[in-house]
């Protein structure tokens, strides 16, 4: 049985004011990638390409671990774009070629009433051919369970991103300030 699961989740995060604006930090997409998951789960594969070994997922009686190659790039002034370009699934041998995962995301700073926010959205779609025991289950039940699982994956990534990204940004600013006081061109807010 072919089935499609999907989930979308937005991010709307207040960025505490720092001496160096967040747009300068975001010009280093690898820092954002490192905020998505633990370093043991991320492997650089080349310029702008990273392999993310997602945590093991349990779907009813199946245990799988998706491994996603994603391209991460910057568009000006400081928008981070993310797109899955390849996927493998570990943990099941049944029709591995019948599993596809599509991840798209965007994160960008914006200014509202003098406050900087990071706003973004991630969309995750999985298409899979389920093994025979699942073909006897009602499709709406499977879709609800699968969509819920994907939403939980996105929620976990969002929580980590929100905490890790702001911590790393704060630490990065401290190092920049320690190494050399920022010039006006770095400290300026390009969103104004």
N, C-alpha and C. Protein backbone atom coordinates (compact mmCIF):
# COMPACT_ATOMS: atom_id res chain seq x y z
N UNK A 1 0.84 -1.18 0.00
CA UNK A 1 0.00 0.00 0.00
C UNK A 1 0.89 1.25 0.00
N UNK A 2 0.74 2.07 -1.03
CA UNK A 2 1.44 3.36 -1.08
C UNK A 2 0.67 4.36 -0.22
N UNK A 3 1.41 5.10 0.57
CA UNK A 3 0.77 6.09 1.43
C UNK A 3 1.68 7.30 1.56
N UNK A 4 1.07 8.45 1.75
CA UNK A 4 1.81 9.71 1.85
C UNK A 4 1.48 10.37 3.18
N UNK A 5 2.53 10.78 3.88
CA UNK A 5 2.38 11.50 5.14
C UNK A 5 2.98 12.89 4.96
N UNK A 6 2.42 13.87 5.66
CA UNK A 6 3.00 15.22 5.54
C UNK A 6 2.78 16.01 6.83
N UNK A 7 3.66 16.97 7.02
CA UNK A 7 3.55 17.88 8.16
C UNK A 7 4.25 19.18 7.80
N UNK A 8 3.75 20.28 8.35
CA UNK A 8 4.37 21.60 8.18
C UNK A 8 4.40 22.27 9.54
N UNK A 9 5.46 23.03 9.76
CA UNK A 9 5.58 23.71 11.04
C UNK A 9 6.30 25.03 10.84
N UNK A 10 5.78 26.07 11.44
CA UNK A 10 6.38 27.39 11.35
C UNK A 10 7.23 27.72 12.56
N UNK A 11 8.12 28.67 12.37
CA UNK A 11 8.97 29.18 13.44
C UNK A 11 8.80 30.69 13.48
N UNK A 12 8.61 31.22 14.66
CA UNK A 12 8.50 32.66 14.86
C UNK A 12 9.21 32.94 16.18
N UNK A 13 10.44 33.39 16.08
CA UNK A 13 11.32 33.47 17.24
C UNK A 13 11.85 34.89 17.42
N UNK A 14 11.67 35.44 18.60
CA UNK A 14 12.23 36.76 18.91
C UNK A 14 13.73 36.59 19.11
N UNK A 15 14.51 37.45 18.46
CA UNK A 15 15.97 37.40 18.59
C UNK A 15 16.40 38.52 19.53
N UNK A 16 16.97 38.16 20.68
CA UNK A 16 17.44 39.21 21.60
C UNK A 16 18.50 40.08 20.92
N UNK A 17 18.42 41.37 21.18
CA UNK A 17 19.35 42.32 20.56
C UNK A 17 20.78 42.04 21.03
N UNK A 18 21.69 42.06 20.07
CA UNK A 18 23.12 41.85 20.33
C UNK A 18 23.89 42.96 19.61
N UNK A 19 25.16 43.18 19.96
CA UNK A 19 25.95 44.21 19.28
C UNK A 19 26.18 43.92 17.80
N UNK A 20 26.12 42.65 17.42
CA UNK A 20 26.26 42.27 16.01
C UNK A 20 24.93 41.65 15.59
N UNK A 21 24.36 42.15 14.51
CA UNK A 21 23.03 41.72 14.08
C UNK A 21 23.03 40.26 13.62
N UNK A 22 21.90 39.59 13.79
CA UNK A 22 21.74 38.17 13.45
C UNK A 22 21.99 37.90 11.97
N UNK A 23 21.79 38.88 11.10
CA UNK A 23 22.03 38.65 9.67
C UNK A 23 23.48 38.25 9.40
N UNK A 24 24.40 38.79 10.18
CA UNK A 24 25.81 38.44 10.01
C UNK A 24 26.06 36.98 10.41
N UNK A 25 25.42 36.55 11.45
CA UNK A 25 25.53 35.16 11.91
C UNK A 25 24.93 34.21 10.88
N UNK A 26 23.79 34.57 10.32
CA UNK A 26 23.10 33.70 9.37
C UNK A 26 23.84 33.55 8.05
N UNK A 27 24.82 34.39 7.80
CA UNK A 27 25.60 34.26 6.56
C UNK A 27 26.54 33.06 6.61
N UNK A 28 26.47 32.31 7.70
CA UNK A 28 27.25 31.08 7.86
C UNK A 28 26.25 29.93 8.03
N UNK A 29 25.67 29.43 6.95
CA UNK A 29 24.61 28.42 7.05
C UNK A 29 25.01 27.18 7.86
N UNK A 30 26.29 26.83 7.87
CA UNK A 30 26.70 25.64 8.62
C UNK A 30 26.40 25.79 10.11
N UNK A 31 26.38 27.00 10.61
CA UNK A 31 26.06 27.22 12.03
C UNK A 31 24.59 26.87 12.29
N UNK A 32 23.73 27.21 11.36
CA UNK A 32 22.31 26.87 11.50
C UNK A 32 22.12 25.36 11.42
N UNK A 33 22.82 24.72 10.49
CA UNK A 33 22.75 23.26 10.38
C UNK A 33 23.15 22.61 11.70
N UNK A 34 24.22 23.11 12.30
CA UNK A 34 24.69 22.54 13.57
C UNK A 34 23.68 22.74 14.70
N UNK A 35 22.79 23.70 14.55
CA UNK A 35 21.76 23.91 15.57
C UNK A 35 20.57 22.96 15.40
N UNK A 36 20.48 22.30 14.25
CA UNK A 36 19.34 21.42 13.98
C UNK A 36 19.39 20.12 14.76
N UNK A 37 20.60 19.60 14.97
CA UNK A 37 20.74 18.29 15.61
C UNK A 37 22.10 18.20 16.27
N UNK A 38 22.28 17.16 17.04
CA UNK A 38 23.57 16.93 17.71
C UNK A 38 24.66 16.72 16.66
N UNK A 39 25.87 17.10 16.99
CA UNK A 39 26.98 16.99 16.03
C UNK A 39 27.19 15.55 15.58
N UNK A 40 26.85 14.57 16.40
CA UNK A 40 27.00 13.16 16.02
C UNK A 40 25.99 12.76 14.93
N UNK A 41 24.97 13.58 14.72
CA UNK A 41 23.95 13.28 13.72
C UNK A 41 24.19 14.00 12.39
N UNK A 42 25.17 14.89 12.34
CA UNK A 42 25.40 15.71 11.15
C UNK A 42 26.79 15.45 10.60
N UNK A 43 26.84 15.25 9.29
CA UNK A 43 28.12 15.02 8.63
C UNK A 43 28.20 15.92 7.39
N UNK A 44 29.21 16.80 7.32
CA UNK A 44 29.38 17.60 6.11
C UNK A 44 29.74 16.69 4.93
N UNK A 45 29.09 16.89 3.79
CA UNK A 45 29.32 16.04 2.62
C UNK A 45 30.00 16.80 1.48
N UNK A 46 30.09 18.07 1.59
CA UNK A 46 30.66 18.90 0.53
C UNK A 46 30.12 20.29 0.71
N UNK A 47 30.42 21.14 -0.24
CA UNK A 47 29.99 22.53 -0.12
C UNK A 47 28.46 22.61 -0.09
N UNK A 48 27.93 23.15 0.99
CA UNK A 48 26.49 23.37 1.18
C UNK A 48 25.67 22.09 1.31
N UNK A 49 26.30 20.92 1.43
CA UNK A 49 25.57 19.65 1.55
C UNK A 49 25.95 18.97 2.86
N UNK A 50 24.91 18.52 3.57
CA UNK A 50 25.10 17.88 4.87
C UNK A 50 24.26 16.62 4.93
N UNK A 51 24.75 15.63 5.64
CA UNK A 51 23.98 14.41 5.89
C UNK A 51 23.46 14.46 7.32
N UNK A 52 22.16 14.31 7.46
CA UNK A 52 21.51 14.31 8.77
C UNK A 52 20.99 12.91 9.05
N UNK A 53 21.51 12.31 10.11
CA UNK A 53 21.01 11.00 10.56
C UNK A 53 19.96 11.30 11.61
N UNK A 54 18.72 11.18 11.22
CA UNK A 54 17.63 11.50 12.13
C UNK A 54 17.56 10.44 13.23
N UNK A 55 16.92 10.81 14.32
CA UNK A 55 16.76 9.83 15.40
C UNK A 55 15.85 8.71 14.91
N UNK A 56 15.97 7.56 15.55
CA UNK A 56 15.16 6.42 15.17
C UNK A 56 13.69 6.74 15.39
N UNK A 57 12.88 6.37 14.41
CA UNK A 57 11.44 6.62 14.48
C UNK A 57 10.71 5.30 14.63
N UNK A 58 9.71 5.29 15.48
CA UNK A 58 8.88 4.10 15.65
C UNK A 58 7.50 4.41 15.11
N UNK A 59 7.12 3.65 14.08
CA UNK A 59 5.80 3.80 13.49
C UNK A 59 5.09 2.46 13.62
N UNK A 60 4.19 2.41 14.57
CA UNK A 60 3.47 1.19 14.91
C UNK A 60 4.50 0.10 15.22
N UNK A 61 4.69 -0.90 14.34
CA UNK A 61 5.66 -1.96 14.64
C UNK A 61 6.98 -1.77 13.90
N UNK A 62 7.10 -0.73 13.11
CA UNK A 62 8.34 -0.48 12.36
C UNK A 62 9.27 0.45 13.13
N UNK A 63 10.55 0.15 13.07
CA UNK A 63 11.58 1.06 13.60
C UNK A 63 12.49 1.43 12.44
N UNK A 64 12.55 2.71 12.12
CA UNK A 64 13.38 3.15 11.00
C UNK A 64 14.22 4.35 11.42
N UNK A 65 15.32 4.53 10.69
CA UNK A 65 16.14 5.72 10.90
C UNK A 65 16.40 6.35 9.53
N UNK A 66 15.68 7.44 9.22
CA UNK A 66 15.94 8.12 7.96
C UNK A 66 17.30 8.84 8.00
N UNK A 67 17.99 8.79 6.88
CA UNK A 67 19.25 9.51 6.71
C UNK A 67 19.03 10.41 5.50
N UNK A 68 19.14 11.71 5.72
CA UNK A 68 18.79 12.69 4.69
C UNK A 68 20.01 13.52 4.31
N UNK A 69 20.28 13.59 3.01
CA UNK A 69 21.28 14.53 2.51
C UNK A 69 20.53 15.80 2.14
N UNK A 70 21.00 16.91 2.67
CA UNK A 70 20.30 18.16 2.42
C UNK A 70 21.26 19.24 1.96
N UNK A 71 20.76 20.04 1.07
CA UNK A 71 21.51 21.20 0.61
C UNK A 71 21.02 22.40 1.42
N UNK A 72 21.96 23.17 1.92
CA UNK A 72 21.63 24.35 2.71
C UNK A 72 22.37 25.53 2.09
N UNK A 73 21.65 26.57 1.73
CA UNK A 73 22.29 27.71 1.09
C UNK A 73 21.65 29.01 1.56
N UNK A 74 22.35 30.07 1.30
CA UNK A 74 21.97 31.41 1.72
C UNK A 74 21.51 32.22 0.53
N UNK A 75 20.39 32.92 0.70
CA UNK A 75 20.01 33.95 -0.27
C UNK A 75 19.97 35.26 0.50
N UNK A 76 20.34 36.33 -0.14
CA UNK A 76 20.46 37.63 0.53
C UNK A 76 19.10 38.18 0.91
N UNK A 77 19.01 38.96 1.98
CA UNK A 77 20.14 39.39 2.77
C UNK A 77 20.63 38.33 3.74
N UNK A 78 19.76 37.47 4.25
CA UNK A 78 20.24 36.44 5.19
C UNK A 78 19.19 35.34 5.35
N UNK A 79 18.66 34.85 4.24
CA UNK A 79 17.67 33.78 4.30
C UNK A 79 18.36 32.44 4.13
N UNK A 80 18.13 31.55 5.08
CA UNK A 80 18.67 30.20 5.01
C UNK A 80 17.62 29.32 4.35
N UNK A 81 18.04 28.59 3.30
CA UNK A 81 17.17 27.67 2.59
C UNK A 81 17.70 26.26 2.79
N UNK A 82 16.78 25.31 2.91
CA UNK A 82 17.16 23.92 3.13
C UNK A 82 16.28 23.04 2.26
N UNK A 83 16.91 22.08 1.59
CA UNK A 83 16.16 21.16 0.73
C UNK A 83 16.81 19.79 0.77
N UNK A 84 16.00 18.76 0.96
CA UNK A 84 16.56 17.41 0.91
C UNK A 84 16.88 17.07 -0.55
N UNK A 85 18.03 16.41 -0.75
CA UNK A 85 18.43 16.05 -2.11
C UNK A 85 18.60 14.54 -2.26
N UNK A 86 18.65 13.81 -1.16
CA UNK A 86 18.74 12.35 -1.20
C UNK A 86 18.28 11.82 0.15
N UNK A 87 17.86 10.56 0.15
CA UNK A 87 17.38 9.97 1.39
C UNK A 87 17.61 8.47 1.36
N UNK A 88 17.91 7.93 2.52
CA UNK A 88 18.00 6.49 2.71
C UNK A 88 17.26 6.20 4.01
N UNK A 89 16.82 4.99 4.15
CA UNK A 89 16.16 4.61 5.40
C UNK A 89 16.84 3.36 5.92
N UNK A 90 17.23 3.42 7.18
CA UNK A 90 17.89 2.28 7.81
C UNK A 90 16.92 1.64 8.79
N UNK A 91 17.05 0.35 8.92
CA UNK A 91 16.21 -0.36 9.88
C UNK A 91 15.22 -1.30 9.25
N UNK A 92 14.91 -1.08 7.97
CA UNK A 92 14.04 -2.02 7.27
C UNK A 92 14.64 -2.30 5.90
N UNK A 93 14.52 -3.50 5.47
CA UNK A 93 15.01 -3.87 4.15
C UNK A 93 13.86 -3.94 3.15
N UNK A 94 12.65 -3.98 3.65
CA UNK A 94 11.48 -4.09 2.79
C UNK A 94 11.33 -2.84 1.93
N UNK A 95 11.51 -3.02 0.64
CA UNK A 95 11.26 -1.94 -0.34
C UNK A 95 11.87 -0.60 0.05
N UNK A 96 13.16 -0.61 0.34
CA UNK A 96 13.81 0.66 0.69
C UNK A 96 13.70 1.67 -0.45
N UNK A 97 13.64 1.15 -1.67
CA UNK A 97 13.52 2.06 -2.81
C UNK A 97 12.11 2.65 -2.93
N UNK A 98 11.18 2.17 -2.14
CA UNK A 98 9.82 2.70 -2.15
C UNK A 98 9.59 3.70 -1.02
N UNK A 99 10.68 4.26 -0.51
CA UNK A 99 10.60 5.25 0.56
C UNK A 99 11.19 6.55 0.04
N UNK A 100 10.44 7.62 0.12
CA UNK A 100 10.99 8.92 -0.26
C UNK A 100 10.65 9.94 0.82
N UNK A 101 11.57 10.84 1.02
CA UNK A 101 11.41 11.89 2.02
C UNK A 101 11.76 13.21 1.35
N UNK A 102 10.89 14.17 1.50
CA UNK A 102 11.11 15.50 0.92
C UNK A 102 11.01 16.52 2.05
N UNK A 103 12.11 17.22 2.28
CA UNK A 103 12.17 18.23 3.33
C UNK A 103 12.54 19.56 2.70
N UNK A 104 11.75 20.58 2.96
CA UNK A 104 12.03 21.93 2.49
C UNK A 104 11.84 22.89 3.66
N UNK A 105 12.77 23.82 3.77
CA UNK A 105 12.66 24.77 4.86
C UNK A 105 13.27 26.11 4.50
N UNK A 106 12.85 27.11 5.23
CA UNK A 106 13.35 28.47 5.03
C UNK A 106 13.34 29.16 6.38
N UNK A 107 14.37 29.96 6.63
CA UNK A 107 14.46 30.73 7.87
C UNK A 107 15.07 32.08 7.53
N UNK A 108 14.39 33.15 7.93
CA UNK A 108 14.86 34.49 7.59
C UNK A 108 14.57 35.47 8.72
N UNK A 109 15.46 36.45 8.89
CA UNK A 109 15.19 37.49 9.88
C UNK A 109 14.23 38.52 9.31
N UNK A 110 13.44 39.10 10.18
CA UNK A 110 12.60 40.23 9.76
C UNK A 110 12.45 41.16 10.95
N UNK A 111 12.13 42.38 10.65
CA UNK A 111 12.02 43.43 11.66
C UNK A 111 10.56 43.85 11.77
N UNK A 112 10.05 43.88 13.02
CA UNK A 112 8.69 44.36 13.25
C UNK A 112 8.69 45.22 14.51
N UNK A 113 8.32 46.48 14.36
CA UNK A 113 8.25 47.41 15.50
C UNK A 113 9.57 47.46 16.26
N UNK A 114 10.68 47.45 15.53
CA UNK A 114 11.99 47.56 16.16
C UNK A 114 12.52 46.27 16.78
N UNK A 115 11.79 45.18 16.64
CA UNK A 115 12.21 43.89 17.20
C UNK A 115 12.55 42.96 16.04
N UNK A 116 13.67 42.24 16.18
CA UNK A 116 14.08 41.29 15.16
C UNK A 116 13.51 39.91 15.49
N UNK A 117 12.94 39.29 14.47
CA UNK A 117 12.40 37.94 14.59
C UNK A 117 13.08 37.05 13.57
N UNK A 118 13.13 35.77 13.86
CA UNK A 118 13.45 34.77 12.86
C UNK A 118 12.14 34.09 12.53
N UNK A 119 11.79 34.13 11.26
CA UNK A 119 10.54 33.49 10.83
C UNK A 119 10.90 32.45 9.78
N UNK A 120 10.20 31.35 9.84
CA UNK A 120 10.48 30.31 8.88
C UNK A 120 9.39 29.26 8.86
N UNK A 121 9.62 28.29 8.00
CA UNK A 121 8.67 27.20 7.86
C UNK A 121 9.41 25.99 7.34
N UNK A 122 9.00 24.82 7.80
CA UNK A 122 9.55 23.56 7.29
C UNK A 122 8.38 22.69 6.85
N UNK A 123 8.56 22.05 5.71
CA UNK A 123 7.57 21.11 5.18
C UNK A 123 8.25 19.76 5.02
N UNK A 124 7.63 18.73 5.54
CA UNK A 124 8.18 17.38 5.48
C UNK A 124 7.12 16.45 4.90
N UNK A 125 7.50 15.72 3.84
CA UNK A 125 6.60 14.78 3.19
C UNK A 125 7.33 13.45 3.07
N UNK A 126 6.66 12.39 3.46
CA UNK A 126 7.20 11.04 3.30
C UNK A 126 6.20 10.23 2.49
N UNK A 127 6.72 9.56 1.48
CA UNK A 127 5.91 8.66 0.68
C UNK A 127 6.54 7.28 0.82
N UNK A 128 5.72 6.29 1.12
CA UNK A 128 6.26 4.96 1.41
C UNK A 128 5.26 3.89 0.99
N UNK A 129 5.80 2.75 0.61
CA UNK A 129 4.95 1.58 0.41
C UNK A 129 5.05 0.76 1.68
N UNK A 130 3.94 0.64 2.37
CA UNK A 130 3.93 -0.08 3.64
C UNK A 130 3.86 -1.58 3.41
N UNK A 131 4.51 -2.36 4.28
CA UNK A 131 4.48 -3.82 4.14
C UNK A 131 3.08 -4.38 4.41
N UNK A 132 2.84 -5.63 3.97
CA UNK A 132 1.50 -6.23 4.03
C UNK A 132 0.74 -6.12 5.35
N UNK A 133 1.32 -6.26 6.52
CA UNK A 133 0.45 -6.17 7.71
C UNK A 133 -0.32 -4.85 7.78
N UNK A 134 0.26 -3.79 7.23
CA UNK A 134 -0.39 -2.48 7.31
C UNK A 134 -1.51 -2.32 6.29
N UNK A 135 -1.52 -3.16 5.26
CA UNK A 135 -2.55 -3.03 4.23
C UNK A 135 -3.94 -3.37 4.76
N UNK A 136 -3.98 -4.04 5.90
CA UNK A 136 -5.27 -4.40 6.48
C UNK A 136 -5.80 -3.33 7.44
N UNK A 137 -5.02 -2.32 7.67
CA UNK A 137 -5.43 -1.25 8.60
C UNK A 137 -6.14 -0.14 7.83
N UNK A 138 -7.08 0.53 8.46
CA UNK A 138 -7.77 1.64 7.78
C UNK A 138 -6.79 2.76 7.41
N UNK A 139 -6.88 3.20 6.17
CA UNK A 139 -5.98 4.24 5.67
C UNK A 139 -6.01 5.51 6.54
N UNK A 140 -7.19 6.01 6.95
CA UNK A 140 -7.20 7.22 7.79
C UNK A 140 -6.43 7.04 9.10
N UNK A 141 -6.47 5.85 9.68
CA UNK A 141 -5.72 5.59 10.91
C UNK A 141 -4.22 5.68 10.64
N UNK A 142 -3.78 5.07 9.53
CA UNK A 142 -2.36 5.12 9.16
C UNK A 142 -1.92 6.56 8.88
N UNK A 143 -2.75 7.29 8.14
CA UNK A 143 -2.39 8.68 7.80
C UNK A 143 -2.30 9.55 9.05
N UNK A 144 -3.23 9.39 9.96
CA UNK A 144 -3.21 10.17 11.20
C UNK A 144 -1.95 9.86 12.00
N UNK A 145 -1.63 8.57 12.13
CA UNK A 145 -0.43 8.18 12.88
C UNK A 145 0.84 8.69 12.20
N UNK A 146 0.92 8.54 10.88
CA UNK A 146 2.10 8.99 10.14
C UNK A 146 2.28 10.49 10.16
N UNK A 147 1.19 11.23 9.96
CA UNK A 147 1.26 12.69 10.01
C UNK A 147 1.67 13.17 11.40
N UNK A 148 1.15 12.50 12.42
CA UNK A 148 1.53 12.84 13.80
C UNK A 148 2.99 12.59 14.07
N UNK A 149 3.51 11.49 13.53
CA UNK A 149 4.93 11.18 13.70
C UNK A 149 5.80 12.25 13.04
N UNK A 150 5.44 12.66 11.82
CA UNK A 150 6.21 13.70 11.13
C UNK A 150 6.14 15.03 11.88
N UNK A 151 4.98 15.35 12.42
CA UNK A 151 4.85 16.59 13.19
C UNK A 151 5.74 16.54 14.43
N UNK A 152 5.83 15.37 15.04
CA UNK A 152 6.70 15.23 16.21
C UNK A 152 8.17 15.40 15.83
N UNK A 153 8.56 14.91 14.65
CA UNK A 153 9.94 15.10 14.16
C UNK A 153 10.22 16.59 13.98
N UNK A 154 9.31 17.29 13.29
CA UNK A 154 9.51 18.73 13.06
C UNK A 154 9.50 19.51 14.38
N UNK A 155 8.66 19.13 15.31
CA UNK A 155 8.60 19.82 16.60
C UNK A 155 9.89 19.66 17.38
N UNK A 156 10.46 18.46 17.33
CA UNK A 156 11.73 18.21 18.01
C UNK A 156 12.84 19.07 17.40
N UNK A 157 12.89 19.11 16.07
CA UNK A 157 13.91 19.92 15.38
C UNK A 157 13.70 21.40 15.71
N UNK A 158 12.45 21.84 15.72
CA UNK A 158 12.14 23.25 16.01
C UNK A 158 12.60 23.62 17.42
N UNK A 159 12.29 22.79 18.40
CA UNK A 159 12.69 23.09 19.78
C UNK A 159 14.20 23.20 19.90
N UNK A 160 14.90 22.27 19.28
CA UNK A 160 16.36 22.30 19.34
C UNK A 160 16.90 23.54 18.63
N UNK A 161 16.35 23.82 17.46
CA UNK A 161 16.78 24.99 16.69
C UNK A 161 16.59 26.27 17.49
N UNK A 162 15.44 26.41 18.11
CA UNK A 162 15.13 27.64 18.84
C UNK A 162 16.11 27.85 20.00
N UNK A 163 16.46 26.79 20.69
CA UNK A 163 17.37 26.92 21.83
C UNK A 163 18.82 27.02 21.37
N UNK A 164 19.25 26.08 20.54
CA UNK A 164 20.65 26.00 20.13
C UNK A 164 21.08 27.20 19.29
N UNK A 165 20.21 27.63 18.38
CA UNK A 165 20.58 28.72 17.49
C UNK A 165 20.82 30.00 18.28
N UNK A 166 19.93 30.33 19.21
CA UNK A 166 20.12 31.55 19.99
C UNK A 166 21.34 31.45 20.90
N UNK A 167 21.57 30.27 21.49
CA UNK A 167 22.77 30.08 22.32
C UNK A 167 24.04 30.25 21.49
N UNK A 168 24.05 29.62 20.30
CA UNK A 168 25.23 29.70 19.44
C UNK A 168 25.44 31.13 18.94
N UNK A 169 24.35 31.81 18.59
CA UNK A 169 24.43 33.20 18.14
C UNK A 169 25.04 34.07 19.24
N UNK A 170 24.56 33.92 20.46
CA UNK A 170 25.08 34.69 21.59
C UNK A 170 26.58 34.41 21.80
N UNK A 171 26.97 33.14 21.74
CA UNK A 171 28.39 32.78 21.89
C UNK A 171 29.23 33.31 20.74
N UNK A 172 28.70 33.25 19.53
CA UNK A 172 29.42 33.74 18.35
C UNK A 172 29.66 35.25 18.48
N UNK A 173 28.64 35.98 18.91
CA UNK A 173 28.79 37.43 19.11
C UNK A 173 29.87 37.70 20.14
N UNK A 174 29.88 36.98 21.24
CA UNK A 174 30.88 37.18 22.30
C UNK A 174 32.29 36.96 21.76
N UNK A 175 32.47 35.92 20.95
CA UNK A 175 33.80 35.65 20.37
C UNK A 175 34.18 36.77 19.41
N UNK A 176 33.24 37.21 18.57
CA UNK A 176 33.53 38.29 17.62
C UNK A 176 33.92 39.57 18.36
N UNK A 177 33.22 39.87 19.42
CA UNK A 177 33.49 41.08 20.20
C UNK A 177 34.85 40.98 20.90
N UNK A 178 35.17 39.78 21.35
CA UNK A 178 36.44 39.56 22.05
C UNK A 178 37.62 39.66 21.09
N UNK A 179 37.45 39.09 19.90
CA UNK A 179 38.55 39.07 18.92
C UNK A 179 38.80 40.43 18.29
N UNK A 180 37.76 41.11 17.98
CA UNK A 180 37.90 42.47 17.43
C UNK A 180 36.56 43.17 17.54
N UNK A 181 36.58 44.34 18.11
CA UNK A 181 35.34 45.10 18.26
C UNK A 181 34.73 45.31 16.88
N UNK A 182 33.43 45.10 16.75
CA UNK A 182 32.81 45.20 15.43
C UNK A 182 32.85 46.62 14.88
N UNK A 183 33.01 46.68 13.59
CA UNK A 183 32.93 47.98 12.92
C UNK A 183 31.47 48.28 12.67
N UNK A 184 31.19 49.51 12.29
CA UNK A 184 29.80 49.87 12.04
C UNK A 184 29.17 49.00 10.96
N UNK A 185 29.97 48.57 9.98
CA UNK A 185 29.40 47.78 8.89
C UNK A 185 28.93 46.41 9.37
N UNK A 186 29.54 45.88 10.41
CA UNK A 186 29.09 44.59 10.95
C UNK A 186 27.92 44.80 11.89
N UNK A 187 27.97 45.81 12.71
CA UNK A 187 26.96 46.00 13.74
C UNK A 187 25.66 46.57 13.20
N UNK A 188 25.70 47.13 12.01
CA UNK A 188 24.51 47.77 11.47
C UNK A 188 23.41 46.73 11.23
N UNK A 189 22.18 47.17 11.37
CA UNK A 189 21.03 46.31 11.14
C UNK A 189 20.60 46.46 9.68
N UNK A 190 20.89 45.47 8.84
CA UNK A 190 20.56 45.60 7.42
C UNK A 190 19.06 45.50 7.14
N UNK A 191 18.26 45.18 8.14
CA UNK A 191 16.83 45.05 7.91
C UNK A 191 16.09 46.38 8.02
N UNK A 192 16.76 47.41 8.53
CA UNK A 192 16.11 48.72 8.67
C UNK A 192 16.09 49.45 7.35
